[in-house]
N, C-alpha and C. Protein backbone atom coordinates (compact mmCIF):
# COMPACT_ATOMS: atom_id res chain seq x y z
N UNK A 1 21.18 52.24 6.31
CA UNK A 1 21.38 53.46 6.28
C UNK A 1 20.87 54.20 8.18
N UNK A 2 20.91 53.27 9.10
CA UNK A 2 20.96 53.31 10.07
C UNK A 2 22.22 53.41 11.00
N UNK A 3 22.37 54.49 12.31
CA UNK A 3 23.12 54.75 12.86
C UNK A 3 23.17 54.66 14.43
N UNK A 4 23.86 54.55 15.16
CA UNK A 4 23.98 54.45 16.59
C UNK A 4 24.29 55.50 17.60
N UNK A 5 24.64 56.54 16.86
CA UNK A 5 25.30 57.85 17.01
C UNK A 5 23.90 58.70 17.75
N UNK A 6 23.69 59.14 18.90
CA UNK A 6 22.71 59.68 19.59
C UNK A 6 21.09 58.87 19.47
N UNK A 7 21.35 57.69 19.73
CA UNK A 7 20.21 56.80 19.31
C UNK A 7 19.26 57.21 20.72
N UNK A 8 19.72 57.80 21.91
CA UNK A 8 18.93 58.03 22.87
C UNK A 8 19.26 59.60 23.33
N UNK A 9 18.79 60.06 24.41
CA UNK A 9 18.83 60.99 24.84
C UNK A 9 18.20 62.61 24.20
N UNK A 10 18.88 63.52 24.74
CA UNK A 10 17.75 64.78 24.31
C UNK A 10 18.40 65.28 23.11
N UNK A 11 18.42 64.33 21.95
CA UNK A 11 18.69 65.01 20.38
C UNK A 11 17.65 64.49 19.54
N UNK A 12 17.96 64.60 18.11
CA UNK A 12 17.15 63.77 17.57
C UNK A 12 17.45 62.44 17.32
N UNK A 13 16.38 61.64 17.10
CA UNK A 13 16.18 60.11 17.25
C UNK A 13 16.17 59.67 16.08
N UNK A 14 15.09 59.68 15.37
CA UNK A 14 14.91 58.90 14.18
C UNK A 14 14.39 60.20 13.00
N UNK A 15 14.80 59.34 11.91
CA UNK A 15 14.00 60.59 10.83
C UNK A 15 13.56 59.20 9.79
N UNK A 16 12.57 59.12 9.85
CA UNK A 16 12.24 57.95 8.72
C UNK A 16 11.29 58.67 7.52
N UNK A 17 11.35 57.78 6.48
CA UNK A 17 10.73 58.34 5.38
C UNK A 17 9.72 57.21 4.74
N UNK A 18 8.83 57.80 3.87
CA UNK A 18 8.10 56.57 3.19
C UNK A 18 8.58 55.86 2.17
N UNK A 19 8.33 54.54 2.54
CA UNK A 19 8.77 53.60 1.63
C UNK A 19 8.16 53.19 0.47
N UNK A 20 8.61 52.52 -0.49
CA UNK A 20 7.83 51.78 -1.46
C UNK A 20 8.14 52.32 -3.18
N UNK A 21 9.02 52.60 -3.64
CA UNK A 21 10.29 53.55 -4.52
C UNK A 21 9.35 53.15 -6.10
N UNK A 22 8.78 52.02 -6.00
CA UNK A 22 8.65 51.17 -7.02
C UNK A 22 7.14 51.57 -7.40
N UNK A 23 6.61 52.20 -6.39
CA UNK A 23 4.92 52.82 -6.67
C UNK A 23 5.10 54.18 -7.12
N UNK A 24 5.85 55.08 -6.18
CA UNK A 24 5.44 56.43 -6.05
C UNK A 24 6.94 57.29 -6.38
N UNK A 25 6.61 58.39 -7.45
CA UNK A 25 7.66 59.47 -7.89
C UNK A 25 8.14 60.05 -7.14
N UNK A 26 7.69 60.82 -6.06
CA UNK A 26 8.32 61.73 -5.17
C UNK A 26 9.02 60.94 -4.14
N UNK A 27 9.19 59.65 -4.15
CA UNK A 27 10.00 58.85 -3.16
C UNK A 27 11.47 59.50 -3.25
N UNK A 28 12.50 59.67 -4.11
CA UNK A 28 13.69 59.95 -4.25
C UNK A 28 13.72 61.30 -3.33
N UNK A 29 12.63 61.99 -3.50
CA UNK A 29 12.62 63.39 -2.89
C UNK A 29 12.39 63.41 -1.16
N UNK A 30 11.49 62.45 -1.10
CA UNK A 30 11.43 62.38 0.46
C UNK A 30 12.43 61.66 1.12
N UNK A 31 13.01 60.76 0.51
CA UNK A 31 14.47 59.75 0.91
C UNK A 31 15.57 60.96 1.27
N UNK A 32 15.54 61.76 0.21
CA UNK A 32 16.54 62.85 0.15
C UNK A 32 16.43 63.66 1.34
N UNK A 33 15.17 64.39 1.44
CA UNK A 33 14.91 65.18 2.77
C UNK A 33 15.15 64.50 3.93
N UNK A 34 14.74 63.17 4.33
CA UNK A 34 14.89 62.52 5.31
C UNK A 34 16.28 62.38 6.05
N UNK A 35 17.42 62.07 4.57
CA UNK A 35 18.50 61.92 5.29
C UNK A 35 19.36 63.19 5.28
N UNK A 36 18.82 64.11 4.41
CA UNK A 36 19.51 65.69 4.91
C UNK A 36 19.14 66.18 5.95
N UNK A 37 17.95 65.66 6.73
CA UNK A 37 17.55 66.17 7.88
C UNK A 37 18.28 65.79 9.21
N UNK A 38 18.26 64.01 8.74
CA UNK A 38 19.19 63.57 10.02
C UNK A 38 20.74 63.82 9.90
N UNK A 39 21.51 63.79 8.68
CA UNK A 39 22.95 64.05 8.81
C UNK A 39 23.02 65.46 9.63
N UNK A 40 21.85 66.59 8.96
CA UNK A 40 22.15 67.98 9.82
C UNK A 40 21.95 67.95 11.25
N UNK A 41 21.30 66.99 11.41
CA UNK A 41 21.10 66.92 13.21
C UNK A 41 21.85 66.11 13.83
N UNK A 42 23.06 65.36 13.18
CA UNK A 42 23.84 64.55 14.27
C UNK A 42 24.72 65.50 14.80
N UNK A 43 24.48 65.23 16.30
CA UNK A 43 25.60 65.89 17.24
C UNK A 43 27.10 65.99 16.94
N UNK A 44 27.47 67.15 16.97
CA UNK A 44 29.11 67.15 16.68
C UNK A 44 29.98 66.51 17.62
N UNK A 45 29.43 66.29 18.81
CA UNK A 45 30.00 65.58 20.00
C UNK A 45 30.77 64.76 20.15
N UNK A 46 31.86 64.28 20.18
CA UNK A 46 32.61 63.26 20.48
C UNK A 46 32.29 62.17 21.51
N UNK A 47 31.51 62.49 22.34
CA UNK A 47 31.09 62.01 23.70
C UNK A 47 30.89 60.26 23.26
N UNK A 48 30.01 59.73 21.98
CA UNK A 48 29.83 58.70 21.98
C UNK A 48 31.19 57.68 21.50
N UNK A 49 31.66 58.45 20.78
CA UNK A 49 33.28 57.82 20.61
C UNK A 49 34.05 57.62 21.63
N UNK A 50 33.93 58.58 22.69
CA UNK A 50 34.86 58.50 23.95
C UNK A 50 34.15 57.26 24.82
N UNK A 51 33.07 57.10 24.68
CA UNK A 51 32.74 56.00 25.59
C UNK A 51 32.45 54.65 25.07
N UNK A 52 32.21 54.52 23.69
CA UNK A 52 32.13 53.50 23.18
C UNK A 52 33.29 52.89 22.26
N UNK A 53 34.23 53.55 21.89
CA UNK A 53 34.89 53.18 21.03
C UNK A 53 36.47 53.48 21.62
N UNK A 54 36.61 54.02 22.93
CA UNK A 54 37.62 53.82 23.87
C UNK A 54 38.51 55.12 23.58
N UNK A 55 38.13 56.36 22.69
CA UNK A 55 38.84 57.17 22.93
C UNK A 55 39.26 57.90 24.29
N UNK A 56 40.29 58.31 24.64
CA UNK A 56 40.69 59.07 26.13
C UNK A 56 39.64 59.66 26.88
N UNK A 57 39.42 60.85 26.55
CA UNK A 57 38.49 62.12 27.23
C UNK A 57 37.28 61.17 27.44
N UNK A 58 36.77 60.96 28.39
CA UNK A 58 35.19 61.07 29.01
C UNK A 58 34.63 61.89 29.50
N UNK A 59 35.37 62.88 30.18
CA UNK A 59 34.59 64.14 30.68
C UNK A 59 35.71 65.45 30.82
N UNK A 60 35.21 66.43 31.08
CA UNK A 60 36.36 67.63 31.37
C UNK A 60 37.22 68.01 29.69
N UNK A 61 37.95 68.50 30.02
CA UNK A 61 38.64 69.50 28.83
C UNK A 61 38.15 70.53 28.29
N UNK A 62 38.18 70.93 27.34
CA UNK A 62 37.43 71.99 26.31
C UNK A 62 36.15 71.39 26.00
N UNK A 63 35.51 72.35 26.28
CA UNK A 63 34.05 72.46 25.92
C UNK A 63 33.89 71.97 24.21
N UNK A 64 33.00 71.12 23.74
CA UNK A 64 32.87 71.20 22.46
C UNK A 64 31.80 72.46 21.77
N UNK A 65 32.14 72.60 20.43
CA UNK A 65 30.83 73.31 19.86
C UNK A 65 29.74 72.44 19.23
N UNK A 66 28.62 72.88 19.47
CA UNK A 66 27.53 72.22 19.23
C UNK A 66 26.94 73.03 18.29
N UNK A 67 27.16 73.12 16.93
CA UNK A 67 26.59 74.56 16.09
C UNK A 67 24.77 74.11 16.06
N UNK A 68 24.13 73.00 16.24
CA UNK A 68 23.07 72.77 16.10
C UNK A 68 22.23 72.79 17.27
N UNK A 69 22.74 72.28 18.15
CA UNK A 69 22.00 71.66 19.35
C UNK A 69 22.30 72.93 20.73
N UNK A 70 23.76 73.57 20.47
CA UNK A 70 23.85 74.66 21.40
C UNK A 70 24.27 73.66 22.68
N UNK A 71 23.87 74.72 23.76
CA UNK A 71 24.15 74.03 25.50
C UNK A 71 22.84 73.43 25.87
N UNK A 72 21.90 73.41 24.79
CA UNK A 72 20.58 72.80 25.45
C UNK A 72 19.75 71.88 24.83
N UNK A 73 20.15 71.44 23.53
CA UNK A 73 19.84 70.03 23.06
C UNK A 73 18.20 70.38 22.92
N UNK A 74 17.55 69.48 22.83
CA UNK A 74 16.44 69.03 22.40
C UNK A 74 15.36 68.89 23.55
N UNK A 75 14.15 68.96 23.62
CA UNK A 75 13.35 68.77 25.06
C UNK A 75 13.16 67.19 25.49
N UNK A 76 13.72 66.11 24.39
CA UNK A 76 13.45 65.00 24.51
C UNK A 76 14.04 63.98 23.86
N UNK A 77 13.76 63.13 23.73
CA UNK A 77 14.08 62.25 22.24
C UNK A 77 13.47 62.41 21.12
N UNK A 78 13.79 63.16 20.23
CA UNK A 78 13.12 64.02 19.20
C UNK A 78 12.71 62.68 17.85
N UNK A 79 11.71 62.65 17.35
CA UNK A 79 11.27 61.97 16.08
C UNK A 79 10.93 62.64 15.13
N UNK A 80 11.38 62.52 14.00
CA UNK A 80 11.11 63.10 12.82
C UNK A 80 10.76 61.95 11.48
N UNK A 81 9.42 62.41 10.89
CA UNK A 81 9.08 61.62 9.67
C UNK A 81 8.83 62.53 8.02
N UNK A 82 8.87 61.91 7.43
CA UNK A 82 8.68 62.61 6.20
C UNK A 82 7.67 61.80 5.22
N UNK A 83 6.57 62.16 5.22
CA UNK A 83 5.73 61.32 4.38
C UNK A 83 5.49 61.67 3.00
N UNK A 84 4.72 60.70 2.20
CA UNK A 84 4.49 60.91 0.86
C UNK A 84 3.04 60.20 0.38
N UNK A 85 2.19 60.81 0.49
CA UNK A 85 0.51 60.70 0.29
C UNK A 85 0.34 60.15 -1.11
N UNK A 86 -0.19 59.17 -1.49
CA UNK A 86 -1.67 59.21 -0.49
C UNK A 86 -1.89 58.25 0.81
N UNK A 87 -0.32 57.62 0.65
CA UNK A 87 0.15 56.55 1.89
C UNK A 87 0.25 57.78 3.36
N UNK A 88 0.38 56.95 4.45
CA UNK A 88 0.87 57.69 5.87
C UNK A 88 1.47 56.53 6.36
N UNK A 89 2.41 55.95 5.45
CA UNK A 89 3.16 54.54 6.53
C UNK A 89 4.14 54.76 7.10
N UNK A 90 4.62 56.21 7.30
CA UNK A 90 5.56 56.64 8.65
C UNK A 90 4.58 56.97 9.54
N UNK A 91 3.22 57.51 9.56
CA UNK A 91 2.35 57.54 10.72
C UNK A 91 2.83 59.12 11.09
N UNK A 92 2.66 60.16 9.98
CA UNK A 92 3.28 61.51 10.42
C UNK A 92 2.53 61.99 11.95
N UNK A 93 1.37 61.77 12.17
CA UNK A 93 1.08 62.63 13.43
C UNK A 93 1.43 61.75 14.52
N UNK A 94 2.02 60.53 14.42
CA UNK A 94 2.80 60.23 15.76
C UNK A 94 4.29 60.51 16.28
N UNK A 95 4.98 61.56 15.35
CA UNK A 95 6.16 61.81 15.56
C UNK A 95 6.31 63.43 16.24
N UNK A 96 7.42 63.95 16.47
CA UNK A 96 7.51 65.36 17.04
C UNK A 96 7.35 66.01 15.84
N UNK A 97 7.78 65.88 15.13
CA UNK A 97 7.79 66.82 13.47
C UNK A 97 7.59 65.82 12.52
N UNK A 98 6.97 66.07 11.55
CA UNK A 98 6.48 65.45 10.57
C UNK A 98 6.39 66.53 9.03
N UNK A 99 7.03 65.68 7.99
CA UNK A 99 6.92 66.51 6.76
C UNK A 99 6.07 65.68 5.66
N UNK A 100 5.00 66.63 5.13
CA UNK A 100 4.14 65.62 4.33
C UNK A 100 4.37 66.23 3.02
N UNK A 101 4.53 65.60 1.83
CA UNK A 101 4.80 66.08 0.72
C UNK A 101 3.93 66.70 -0.16
N UNK A 102 3.78 67.39 -0.88
CA UNK A 102 2.99 68.25 -1.76
C UNK A 102 3.71 67.75 -3.20
N UNK A 103 2.70 66.97 -3.64
CA UNK A 103 3.19 66.49 -5.13
C UNK A 103 2.37 67.39 -6.30
N UNK A 104 2.93 67.85 -7.23
CA UNK A 104 2.11 67.97 -8.56
C UNK A 104 2.83 67.57 -9.69
N UNK A 105 1.98 66.72 -10.70
CA UNK A 105 2.75 66.15 -11.70
C UNK A 105 3.81 65.19 -11.56
N UNK A 106 3.75 64.82 -10.30
CA UNK A 106 4.72 63.59 -10.22
C UNK A 106 6.12 64.24 -9.31
N UNK A 107 5.92 65.55 -9.18
CA UNK A 107 6.96 65.90 -8.12
C UNK A 107 6.91 66.30 -7.21
N UNK A 108 7.62 66.48 -6.14
CA UNK A 108 7.43 67.09 -4.95
C UNK A 108 7.81 68.59 -5.04
N UNK A 109 6.93 69.30 -4.84
CA UNK A 109 6.82 70.74 -4.55
C UNK A 109 7.06 71.65 -3.63
N UNK A 110 6.76 70.95 -2.25
CA UNK A 110 6.82 71.49 -1.17
C UNK A 110 6.19 70.50 -0.16
N UNK A 111 5.97 70.79 1.20
CA UNK A 111 5.69 70.02 2.43
C UNK A 111 4.62 70.69 3.27
N UNK A 112 3.86 69.95 3.88
CA UNK A 112 3.11 70.91 4.88
C UNK A 112 3.99 70.22 6.07
N UNK A 113 3.85 71.06 7.07
CA UNK A 113 4.61 70.43 8.32
C UNK A 113 3.57 70.55 9.65
N UNK A 114 3.79 69.08 10.11
CA UNK A 114 3.05 69.09 11.30
C UNK A 114 4.01 68.51 12.50
N UNK A 115 3.33 69.38 13.28
CA UNK A 115 4.58 69.23 14.75
C UNK A 115 3.51 68.70 16.12
N UNK A 116 3.92 67.80 16.68
CA UNK A 116 3.44 67.60 17.85
C UNK A 116 3.56 67.99 19.35
N UNK A 117 4.64 68.26 19.04
CA UNK A 117 5.61 69.15 20.22
C UNK A 117 4.90 70.36 20.92
N UNK A 118 4.90 70.04 22.02
CA UNK A 118 3.99 71.11 23.20
C UNK A 118 5.21 71.64 23.71
N UNK A 119 5.67 73.07 23.49
CA UNK A 119 6.91 73.72 23.91
C UNK A 119 6.66 74.24 24.78
N UNK A 120 7.27 73.99 26.17
CA UNK A 120 7.22 74.78 27.46
C UNK A 120 7.88 76.25 27.31
């Protein structure tokens, strides 16, 4: 479930989630959240396809609509993690944005949000 689209630059870089589905009930919920975030933050730009797949236009032409990033994008290579306690196998505090699952009776009922980004 990896892709190379927007692998570097001022966009979302990685979204990782806790592993070990055979040990924890909330694994499916954190995996779905990580996938939804990664899909939502994929840029709509065709630049990757133009450069690496051989589509014709590389510069100029009609400006593309980028609904999430707009004209500014993110401040750097942005990394996101989704953790499932009691383990911190994704190292939630080392990422720009992390969601730490809150479980009750084996179900994820919410997330604590951790942000390491200092917005200027």
